Protein backbone atom coordinates (compact mmCIF):
# COMPACT_ATOMS: atom_id res chain seq x y z
CA UNK A 1 18.43 -19.28 9.93
CA UNK A 2 18.48 -16.20 7.84
CA UNK A 3 20.84 -15.28 4.77
CA UNK A 4 21.24 -12.02 2.85
CA UNK A 5 20.78 -12.01 -0.90
CA UNK A 6 23.45 -11.76 -2.14
CA UNK A 7 25.06 -13.35 0.54
CA UNK A 8 27.60 -11.15 2.55
CA UNK A 9 26.39 -7.52 1.21
CA UNK A 10 25.58 -5.08 4.03
CA UNK A 11 22.14 -3.95 4.62
CA UNK A 12 21.56 -0.20 3.55
CA UNK A 13 18.14 0.16 3.30
CA UNK A 14 14.90 0.80 5.70
CA UNK A 15 12.53 -1.91 3.82
CA UNK A 16 13.48 -5.62 3.42
CA UNK A 17 11.72 -8.56 1.68
CA UNK A 18 11.78 -11.91 3.40
CA UNK A 19 11.48 -15.09 1.65
CA UNK A 20 10.22 -18.11 3.83
CA UNK A 21 10.31 -21.54 2.51
CA UNK A 22 7.76 -24.62 3.20
CA UNK A 23 7.45 -28.00 4.51
CA UNK A 24 10.78 -30.06 3.87
CA UNK A 25 11.96 -26.92 1.85
CA UNK A 26 15.05 -25.11 1.82
CA UNK A 27 16.28 -21.57 1.48
CA UNK A 28 18.03 -21.77 -1.74
CA UNK A 29 16.31 -25.12 -3.44
CA UNK A 30 12.64 -23.62 -2.86
CA UNK A 31 13.14 -20.20 -4.21
CA UNK A 32 15.86 -20.76 -6.74
CA UNK A 33 16.81 -17.64 -8.54
CA UNK A 34 13.54 -15.92 -7.53
CA UNK A 35 15.17 -13.60 -5.10
CA UNK A 36 17.90 -12.63 -7.59
CA UNK A 37 15.56 -11.68 -10.27
CA UNK A 38 13.63 -9.37 -8.05
CA UNK A 39 16.59 -7.79 -6.66
CA UNK A 40 17.77 -6.92 -10.07
CA UNK A 41 14.84 -5.33 -11.06
CA UNK A 42 14.98 -1.46 -10.89
CA UNK A 43 11.48 -1.10 -9.59
CA UNK A 44 12.39 -2.58 -6.50
CA UNK A 45 15.30 -0.46 -5.55
CA UNK A 46 15.09 0.37 -2.07
CA UNK A 47 14.53 -2.91 -0.60
CA UNK A 48 17.11 -5.44 1.06
CA UNK A 49 16.22 -9.27 0.37
CA UNK A 50 16.52 -12.07 2.77
CA UNK A 51 15.83 -15.84 2.88
CA UNK A 52 14.55 -17.20 6.30
CA UNK A 53 15.26 -20.92 6.92
CA UNK A 54 14.29 -23.43 9.68
CA UNK A 55 14.40 -27.32 10.10
CA UNK A 56 11.70 -29.18 8.37
CA UNK A 57 13.26 -32.67 7.62
CA UNK A 58 11.68 -35.78 5.84
CA UNK A 59 12.30 -38.17 8.58
CA UNK A 60 9.85 -38.96 11.29
CA UNK A 61 9.91 -36.89 14.72
CA UNK A 62 10.60 -38.50 17.86
CA UNK A 63 8.83 -35.94 20.32
CA UNK A 64 9.57 -36.46 24.05
CA UNK A 65 12.10 -38.77 23.70
CA UNK A 66 15.24 -37.28 21.79
CA UNK A 67 14.49 -34.44 19.07
CA UNK A 68 11.69 -33.02 16.65
CA UNK A 69 11.35 -30.40 14.28
CA UNK A 70 9.78 -27.12 15.73
CA UNK A 71 6.07 -26.70 15.51
CA UNK A 72 4.90 -23.80 13.49
CA UNK A 73 4.28 -21.73 16.58
CA UNK A 74 7.68 -21.89 17.35
CA UNK A 75 9.01 -21.16 13.95
CA UNK A 76 6.79 -18.17 14.14
CA UNK A 77 8.29 -17.12 17.00
CA UNK A 78 11.87 -17.44 15.52
CA UNK A 79 10.73 -15.38 12.49
CA UNK A 80 9.49 -12.54 14.74
CA UNK A 81 12.71 -12.50 16.70
CA UNK A 82 15.44 -12.41 13.88
CA UNK A 83 17.85 -9.90 14.90
CA UNK A 84 18.77 -9.02 11.49
CA UNK A 85 15.32 -7.89 10.76
CA UNK A 86 14.56 -5.78 13.74
CA UNK A 87 16.13 -2.43 12.45
CA UNK A 88 13.92 -2.42 9.36
CA UNK A 89 10.84 -0.26 9.47
CA UNK A 90 8.99 -2.13 6.82
CA UNK A 91 8.94 -5.60 5.96
CA UNK A 92 7.16 -7.67 2.98
CA UNK A 93 7.00 -11.60 2.98
CA UNK A 94 6.87 -14.03 0.29
CA UNK A 95 6.16 -17.54 1.68
CA UNK A 96 5.72 -21.10 -0.09
CA UNK A 97 3.47 -23.80 1.40
CA UNK A 98 3.94 -24.19 5.10
CA UNK A 99 5.93 -21.13 5.16
CA UNK A 100 2.84 -19.03 4.66
CA UNK A 101 1.46 -20.51 7.94
CA UNK A 102 4.43 -19.34 9.50
CA UNK A 103 4.00 -15.68 8.33
CA UNK A 104 0.30 -15.78 9.27
CA UNK A 105 1.01 -17.19 12.72
CA UNK A 106 3.53 -14.27 13.19
CA UNK A 107 1.45 -11.67 12.03
CA UNK A 108 -1.72 -12.37 14.24
CA UNK A 109 0.70 -13.20 17.40
CA UNK A 110 2.93 -10.19 17.29
CA UNK A 111 1.23 -6.95 16.87
CA UNK A 112 4.60 -5.12 16.19
CA UNK A 113 5.29 -7.16 13.33
CA UNK A 114 2.10 -6.85 11.85
CA UNK A 115 2.52 -2.88 12.04
CA UNK A 116 5.59 -3.05 10.33
CA UNK A 117 4.50 -5.28 7.41
CA UNK A 118 3.76 -3.87 4.14
CA UNK A 119 3.02 -6.79 1.85
CA UNK A 120 2.27 -10.67 2.23
CA UNK A 121 2.67 -12.75 -0.63
CA UNK A 122 1.49 -16.55 -0.17
CA UNK A 123 2.34 -19.28 -2.58
CA UNK A 124 0.54 -22.63 -2.59
CA UNK A 125 -0.20 -22.02 1.28
CA UNK A 126 -2.76 -24.59 3.09
CA UNK A 127 -4.59 -21.74 4.85
CA UNK A 128 -7.34 -23.95 5.32
CA UNK A 129 -5.11 -27.00 6.06
CA UNK A 130 -4.97 -30.02 4.60
CA UNK A 131 -7.38 -33.10 4.80
CA UNK A 132 -4.47 -35.46 4.03
CA UNK A 133 -2.29 -34.17 6.71
CA UNK A 134 -4.74 -35.65 9.34
CA UNK A 135 -3.97 -39.09 8.09
CA UNK A 136 -0.23 -38.70 8.80
CA UNK A 137 -0.26 -36.19 11.53
CA UNK A 138 1.32 -39.13 14.05
CA UNK A 139 4.73 -38.79 11.66
CA UNK A 140 5.54 -35.18 12.34
CA UNK A 141 4.45 -32.12 14.68
CA UNK A 142 4.48 -29.69 11.39
CA UNK A 143 1.97 -32.38 9.60
CA UNK A 144 -0.15 -32.29 12.59
CA UNK A 145 -0.30 -28.33 12.59
CA UNK A 146 -1.38 -28.55 9.01
CA UNK A 147 -4.30 -30.69 9.54
CA UNK A 148 -7.65 -29.10 8.37
CA UNK A 149 -9.42 -30.24 11.66
CA UNK A 150 -6.49 -29.44 13.76
CA UNK A 151 -6.10 -27.08 16.54
CA UNK A 152 -3.72 -25.05 14.94
CA UNK A 153 -5.55 -24.25 11.48
CA UNK A 154 -8.63 -23.63 13.44
CA UNK A 155 -7.19 -21.26 16.02
CA UNK A 156 -5.37 -19.42 13.02
CA UNK A 157 -8.32 -18.75 11.06
CA UNK A 158 -10.25 -17.66 13.92
CA UNK A 159 -7.39 -15.08 14.99
CA UNK A 160 -7.19 -13.91 11.18
CA UNK A 161 -10.90 -13.21 11.40
CA UNK A 162 -10.99 -11.76 14.72
CA UNK A 163 -8.27 -9.19 13.47
CA UNK A 164 -10.54 -8.38 10.45
CA UNK A 165 -7.35 -9.13 8.17
CA UNK A 166 -9.61 -10.02 5.26
CA UNK A 167 -11.71 -6.86 5.56
CA UNK A 168 -9.11 -3.89 6.68
CA UNK A 169 -5.61 -5.63 6.44
CA UNK A 170 -2.81 -3.28 7.52
CA UNK A 171 -1.00 -4.75 4.50
CA UNK A 172 -1.23 -5.74 0.82
CA UNK A 173 -2.23 -9.30 0.96
CA UNK A 174 -2.22 -11.89 -2.13
CA UNK A 175 -2.56 -15.55 -2.03
CA UNK A 176 -1.43 -17.46 -5.24
CA UNK A 177 -2.41 -21.00 -6.31
CA UNK A 178 -0.74 -23.25 -8.82
CA UNK A 179 -3.03 -23.97 -11.67
CA UNK A 180 -2.24 -27.91 -11.20
CA UNK A 181 -1.38 -27.78 -7.47
CA UNK A 182 -3.30 -30.88 -6.07
CA UNK A 183 -1.00 -31.20 -3.01
CA UNK A 184 -2.59 -27.93 -1.80
CA UNK A 185 -5.90 -27.44 -3.57
CA UNK A 186 -7.35 -23.91 -4.03
CA UNK A 187 -10.02 -24.85 -1.49
CA UNK A 188 -7.32 -24.42 1.07
CA UNK A 189 -4.94 -21.95 -0.57
CA UNK A 190 -7.46 -19.50 -2.07
CA UNK A 191 -10.98 -19.86 -0.59
CA UNK A 192 -10.14 -18.59 2.91
CA UNK A 193 -9.50 -15.06 1.42
CA UNK A 194 -11.68 -12.53 -0.74
CA UNK A 195 -11.37 -13.10 -4.29
CA UNK A 196 -9.30 -9.73 -5.02
CA UNK A 197 -6.65 -11.27 -3.08
CA UNK A 198 -6.44 -14.41 -4.99
CA UNK A 199 -4.30 -15.38 -7.98
CA UNK A 200 -3.65 -18.42 -10.28
CA UNK A 201 -0.54 -19.12 -11.93
CA UNK A 202 0.87 -22.01 -14.09
CA UNK A 203 2.48 -24.80 -12.26
CA UNK A 204 2.02 -27.60 -9.36
CA UNK A 205 2.91 -27.02 -5.96
CA UNK A 206 6.81 -26.84 -6.65
CA UNK A 207 7.11 -26.11 -10.11
CA UNK A 208 5.10 -22.56 -9.81
CA UNK A 209 8.09 -21.27 -8.20
CA UNK A 210 10.50 -22.50 -11.13
CA UNK A 211 11.98 -19.38 -12.55
CA UNK A 212 14.67 -19.07 -15.48
CA UNK A 213 13.96 -15.56 -16.18
CA UNK A 214 12.50 -12.47 -14.71
CA UNK A 215 9.31 -13.16 -16.82
CA UNK A 216 8.35 -16.05 -14.81
CA UNK A 217 4.82 -15.80 -13.55
CA UNK A 218 5.85 -16.34 -9.90
CA UNK A 219 8.49 -13.40 -10.37
CA UNK A 220 6.16 -11.27 -12.14
CA UNK A 221 3.15 -11.72 -9.63
CA UNK A 222 5.36 -10.56 -6.88
CA UNK A 223 6.72 -7.29 -8.68
CA UNK A 224 2.85 -6.61 -9.52
CA UNK A 225 1.89 -6.61 -5.87
CA UNK A 226 4.93 -4.77 -4.54
CA UNK A 227 4.84 -1.81 -7.29
CA UNK A 228 1.27 -1.11 -7.13
CA UNK A 229 0.81 2.66 -7.81
CA UNK A 230 4.83 2.94 -7.71
CA UNK A 231 6.67 5.13 -10.20
CA UNK A 232 10.39 4.02 -11.49
CA UNK A 233 11.83 6.86 -9.54
CA UNK A 234 11.08 9.90 -7.61
CA UNK A 235 9.23 10.07 -4.31
CA UNK A 236 7.06 7.17 -5.31
CA UNK A 237 9.21 4.21 -5.73
CA UNK A 238 8.02 1.01 -4.43
CA UNK A 239 9.94 0.87 -1.22
CA UNK A 240 8.94 4.38 -0.22
CA UNK A 241 5.21 3.53 -1.05
CA UNK A 242 5.75 0.64 1.48
CA UNK A 243 7.39 2.61 4.24
CA UNK A 244 4.45 4.99 3.89
CA UNK A 245 1.93 2.41 4.19
CA UNK A 246 3.66 1.40 7.34
CA UNK A 247 3.36 4.97 8.62
CA UNK A 248 -0.18 5.36 7.77
CA UNK A 249 -1.21 2.05 9.58
CA UNK A 250 0.69 3.09 12.58
CA UNK A 251 -1.43 6.41 12.76
CA UNK A 252 -4.70 4.39 12.46
CA UNK A 253 -3.43 1.96 15.06
CA UNK A 254 -2.73 5.16 17.34
CA UNK A 255 -5.94 7.14 16.85
CA UNK A 256 -8.73 4.98 15.64
CA UNK A 257 -9.98 4.14 19.08
CA UNK A 258 -9.71 8.08 20.02
CA UNK A 259 -11.38 9.03 16.62
CA UNK A 260 -14.58 10.83 18.35
CA UNK A 261 -12.05 12.85 20.45
CA UNK A 262 -9.56 14.14 18.10
CA UNK A 263 -8.51 17.68 17.21
CA UNK A 264 -8.39 18.85 13.68
CA UNK A 265 -4.68 17.72 13.00
CA UNK A 266 -5.50 14.23 14.47
CA UNK A 267 -8.97 13.70 12.49
CA UNK A 268 -7.04 14.81 9.36
CA UNK A 269 -4.17 12.57 10.08
CA UNK A 270 -6.40 9.72 10.69
CA UNK A 271 -8.68 10.25 7.66
CA UNK A 272 -5.66 10.52 5.05
CA UNK A 273 -4.43 7.40 6.48
CA UNK A 274 -7.42 5.48 6.41
CA UNK A 275 -7.92 6.80 2.78
CA UNK A 276 -4.70 5.81 1.52
CA UNK A 277 -4.92 2.33 2.85
CA UNK A 278 -8.47 1.90 0.93
CA UNK A 279 -10.70 2.59 3.85
CA UNK A 280 -12.52 5.68 2.06
CA UNK A 281 -15.75 5.11 3.66
CA UNK A 282 -14.20 5.18 7.30
CA UNK A 283 -12.33 8.14 6.34
CA UNK A 284 -15.71 10.08 5.69
CA UNK A 285 -17.36 8.93 8.67
CA UNK A 286 -14.39 10.21 10.90
CA UNK A 287 -14.46 13.49 9.34
CA UNK A 288 -18.54 14.01 9.00
CA UNK A 289 -18.49 13.29 12.82
CA UNK A 290 -15.82 15.91 13.43
CA UNK A 291 -16.64 19.25 14.60
CA UNK A 292 -13.90 21.08 12.87
CA UNK A 293 -12.10 24.39 14.34
CA UNK A 294 -10.66 25.44 11.12
CA UNK A 295 -11.14 25.04 7.38
CA UNK A 296 -8.60 22.13 6.63
CA UNK A 297 -10.98 19.60 7.63
CA UNK A 298 -13.23 20.92 5.27
CA UNK A 299 -11.10 20.39 2.47
CA UNK A 300 -10.01 17.12 3.51
CA UNK A 301 -13.47 15.87 3.71
CA UNK A 302 -14.44 17.50 0.32
CA UNK A 303 -11.55 15.60 -1.20
CA UNK A 304 -12.86 12.27 -0.12
CA UNK A 305 -16.17 13.05 -1.61
CA UNK A 306 -14.51 14.33 -4.65
CA UNK A 307 -12.19 11.13 -5.19
CA UNK A 308 -15.33 8.99 -4.90
CA UNK A 309 -17.27 10.81 -7.32
CA UNK A 310 -14.54 10.73 -9.92
CA UNK A 311 -14.77 6.79 -9.51
CA UNK A 312 -18.33 6.22 -8.78
CA UNK A 313 -19.86 9.34 -10.38
CA UNK A 314 -22.85 10.03 -7.67
CA UNK A 315 -24.02 13.54 -8.12
CA UNK A 316 -24.61 13.57 -4.20
CA UNK A 317 -20.79 13.33 -3.71
CA UNK A 318 -19.87 15.99 -5.90
CA UNK A 319 -22.45 18.32 -4.74
CA UNK A 320 -21.34 17.75 -1.24
CA UNK A 321 -17.68 18.27 -2.35
CA UNK A 322 -18.63 21.52 -3.77
CA UNK A 323 -20.56 22.67 -0.95
CA UNK A 324 -17.40 21.96 1.46
CA UNK A 325 -14.99 23.54 -0.75
CA UNK A 326 -17.37 26.59 -1.16
CA UNK A 327 -17.72 27.01 2.71
CA UNK A 328 -14.06 26.48 3.30
CA UNK A 329 -13.12 29.14 0.44
CA UNK A 330 -15.51 31.60 2.07
CA UNK A 331 -14.10 31.27 5.54
CA UNK A 332 -10.66 31.53 4.39
CA UNK A 333 -11.41 34.67 2.67
CA UNK A 334 -13.33 36.81 5.41
CA UNK A 335 -11.66 38.92 7.94
CA UNK A 336 -7.90 38.31 7.96
CA UNK A 337 -7.32 36.15 4.75
CA UNK A 338 -5.76 32.63 4.99
CA UNK A 339 -4.26 32.42 1.67
CA UNK A 340 -3.01 29.10 2.05
CA UNK A 341 -6.39 27.49 2.63
CA UNK A 342 -7.89 29.92 0.21
CA UNK A 343 -5.83 28.64 -2.78
CA UNK A 344 -6.31 25.30 -1.70
CA UNK A 345 -10.29 25.30 -1.59
CA UNK A 346 -10.19 27.63 -4.60
CA UNK A 347 -8.26 25.34 -7.02
CA UNK A 348 -10.57 22.43 -6.21
CA UNK A 349 -13.67 24.68 -6.81
CA UNK A 350 -12.19 25.77 -9.94
CA UNK A 351 -11.53 21.97 -11.02
CA UNK A 352 -15.12 20.97 -10.14
CA UNK A 353 -16.53 23.89 -12.26
CA UNK A 354 -14.84 22.21 -15.33
CA UNK A 355 -15.13 18.66 -14.52
CA UNK A 356 -18.86 18.66 -13.03
CA UNK A 357 -20.21 22.05 -14.08
CA UNK A 358 -18.51 22.53 -17.46
CA UNK A 359 -18.41 26.09 -16.63
CA UNK A 360 -15.18 27.67 -18.11
CA UNK A 361 -16.05 31.10 -17.18
CA UNK A 362 -16.63 30.24 -13.43
CA UNK A 363 -13.38 28.16 -13.38
CA UNK A 364 -11.34 30.98 -14.90
CA UNK A 365 -12.70 33.50 -12.54
CA UNK A 366 -11.71 31.22 -9.64
CA UNK A 367 -8.45 30.04 -11.38
CA UNK A 368 -7.65 34.12 -11.30
CA UNK A 369 -8.26 34.53 -7.64
CA UNK A 370 -6.37 31.36 -6.77
CA UNK A 371 -3.36 32.91 -8.59
CA UNK A 372 -3.50 36.14 -6.36
CA UNK A 373 -3.64 33.91 -3.10
CA UNK A 374 -0.88 31.84 -4.19
CA UNK A 375 1.48 34.94 -4.67
CA UNK A 376 0.68 36.06 -1.10
CA UNK A 377 1.45 32.57 0.21
CA UNK A 378 4.81 31.67 -1.51
CA UNK A 379 6.68 31.79 1.92
CA UNK A 380 5.04 28.49 2.98
CA UNK A 381 7.18 25.94 3.89
CA UNK A 382 5.44 23.47 1.76
CA UNK A 383 6.21 25.64 -1.41
CA UNK A 384 5.36 22.74 -3.78
CA UNK A 385 1.38 23.12 -2.94
CA UNK A 386 1.71 26.73 -4.18
CA UNK A 387 3.68 25.83 -7.28
CA UNK A 388 1.53 22.83 -8.25
CA UNK A 389 -1.71 25.06 -7.64
CA UNK A 390 -0.28 27.93 -9.73
CA UNK A 391 0.42 25.28 -12.27
CA UNK A 392 -3.11 23.91 -12.40
CA UNK A 393 -4.60 27.46 -12.40
CA UNK A 394 -2.51 28.51 -15.36
CA UNK A 395 -3.47 25.33 -17.13
CA UNK A 396 -7.41 26.52 -16.79
CA UNK A 397 -6.46 29.78 -17.87
CA UNK A 398 -4.86 28.36 -21.10
CA UNK A 399 -1.34 29.24 -20.37
CA UNK A 400 0.04 25.79 -20.92
CA UNK A 401 3.91 26.52 -20.92
CA UNK A 402 3.89 28.42 -17.68
CA UNK A 403 1.78 25.72 -16.10
CA UNK A 404 4.28 23.09 -16.92
CA UNK A 405 7.02 25.20 -15.87
CA UNK A 406 5.47 25.37 -12.33
CA UNK A 407 4.93 21.67 -12.13
CA UNK A 408 8.58 21.25 -13.32
CA UNK A 409 9.66 23.35 -10.22
CA UNK A 410 7.20 21.70 -7.91
CA UNK A 411 8.32 18.11 -8.99
CA UNK A 412 12.05 18.90 -7.97
CA UNK A 413 10.82 19.66 -4.28
CA UNK A 414 10.87 17.29 -1.40
CA UNK A 415 7.55 15.74 -1.00
CA UNK A 416 5.96 12.31 0.38
CA UNK A 417 4.61 9.47 -1.73
CA UNK A 418 1.03 10.22 -1.25
CA UNK A 419 1.65 14.15 -2.06
CA UNK A 420 3.29 13.27 -5.10
CA UNK A 421 0.38 11.10 -6.30
CA UNK A 422 -2.35 13.59 -5.35
CA UNK A 423 -0.48 16.28 -7.19
CA UNK A 424 -0.12 13.99 -10.26
CA UNK A 425 -3.54 12.81 -10.44
CA UNK A 426 -5.17 16.38 -10.18
CA UNK A 427 -2.49 17.73 -12.77
CA UNK A 428 -3.43 15.09 -15.25
CA UNK A 429 -7.24 15.39 -14.80
CA UNK A 430 -6.89 19.35 -15.11
CA UNK A 431 -4.94 18.95 -18.32
CA UNK A 432 -7.25 16.61 -19.63
CA UNK A 433 -10.31 18.86 -19.08
CA UNK A 434 -8.18 21.74 -20.75
CA UNK A 435 -7.64 19.78 -23.88
CA UNK A 436 -3.98 18.94 -23.62
CA UNK A 437 -2.56 16.46 -26.07
CA UNK A 438 -1.65 12.99 -24.90
CA UNK A 439 1.82 13.37 -25.22
CA UNK A 440 1.91 16.51 -23.24
CA UNK A 441 -0.34 14.97 -20.42
CA UNK A 442 2.21 12.08 -20.53
CA UNK A 443 5.20 14.42 -20.14
CA UNK A 444 3.64 16.34 -17.30
CA UNK A 445 2.85 13.06 -15.51
CA UNK A 446 6.32 12.05 -15.92
CA UNK A 447 7.48 14.90 -13.74
CA UNK A 448 6.25 13.31 -10.85
CA UNK A 449 7.92 9.60 -11.80
CA UNK A 450 11.36 10.84 -12.02
CA UNK A 451 11.49 10.97 -15.53
CA UNK A 452 13.76 13.33 -17.34
CA UNK A 453 11.87 16.36 -19.23
């Protein structure tokens, strides 16, 4: 039913990729060397690989008399209940043809599986069903399940819509059509899903999965979706991003229904999880509707506006970000100063003085103040925030060598993938604003991707 790739090796990771074949398919014949090519790719270090199989024979079923191949419903339950997969914290599914219906049904039926799933990639899956299947539905239960007008397909699409899996999927999703595939035409494999979730590669229903080298389109499309925003080494390898995505989704599942009742920590965690999974507007709405007790929430909300401004360049966003950072800095520096919050708000103000106001003198004055706050907060358990903030402040003050040294020290600290990405993006933007050469910026960026200095 399930086979490890390569066969016989022991599980050693927290994440797994599971291949699911289609109608009349086979674990080995369907996928060929695709799993082997993927496992050999260094970018996918940190995943274990499995092929899941089930009975799907060419001969006619004789239901209610002797035996018949299982319906997709039962196969989905088999997939969910595989003991070998139970221990994995994150799962990614790569499925072909009817196997994609198996995966979709398991995901809508079992919330615990949905919460552990980080990626879903479907090849030639008849998600809207097959017209031709209706003509032969009397032959096999599995063909009946794939009928475009049948109960299974109608219920699957209804459940998928009810769970809003096209709008706010808890996993990265991609559906792939073969350019020449007329067995499962694009109207069935692609059209049920938004265009950003669609791809087309060469080949027909079967040849689209033929891979004689790692450069084969079917291999590359899997690598692309699994390694989005990933680095080749360090905290942001693809498997760690998949695990983090799982953690963010669990936060959303736990807190979303209570989003108007949360304390500062809960509102912060929910907003960061939403933003990290592409739900930026939801994150902003949660924070704008929250009454903060401390200054951290002001900075998290300001950060959401700042990130949106950097992409969409709306003046109202950057002005709101500046307003929130200034208020956060003011509160952090009155009475008994909170130096950690002061340098957090202050360095972002210094950045925006350059990026939006083009005011080098104001940015330098704030950077100088930020360094003083950092010196008084170096005992923080998350010392890398101090180090990276010092690095950015020193860039603004024109001390490039010292700035690089601080970032080099910070990059050796333990941090989560989202922290590493946030730090890297801010450092690159700051270096660019300060006129660093491209080679120096690339070297700076490489610190957070496991590259040797």
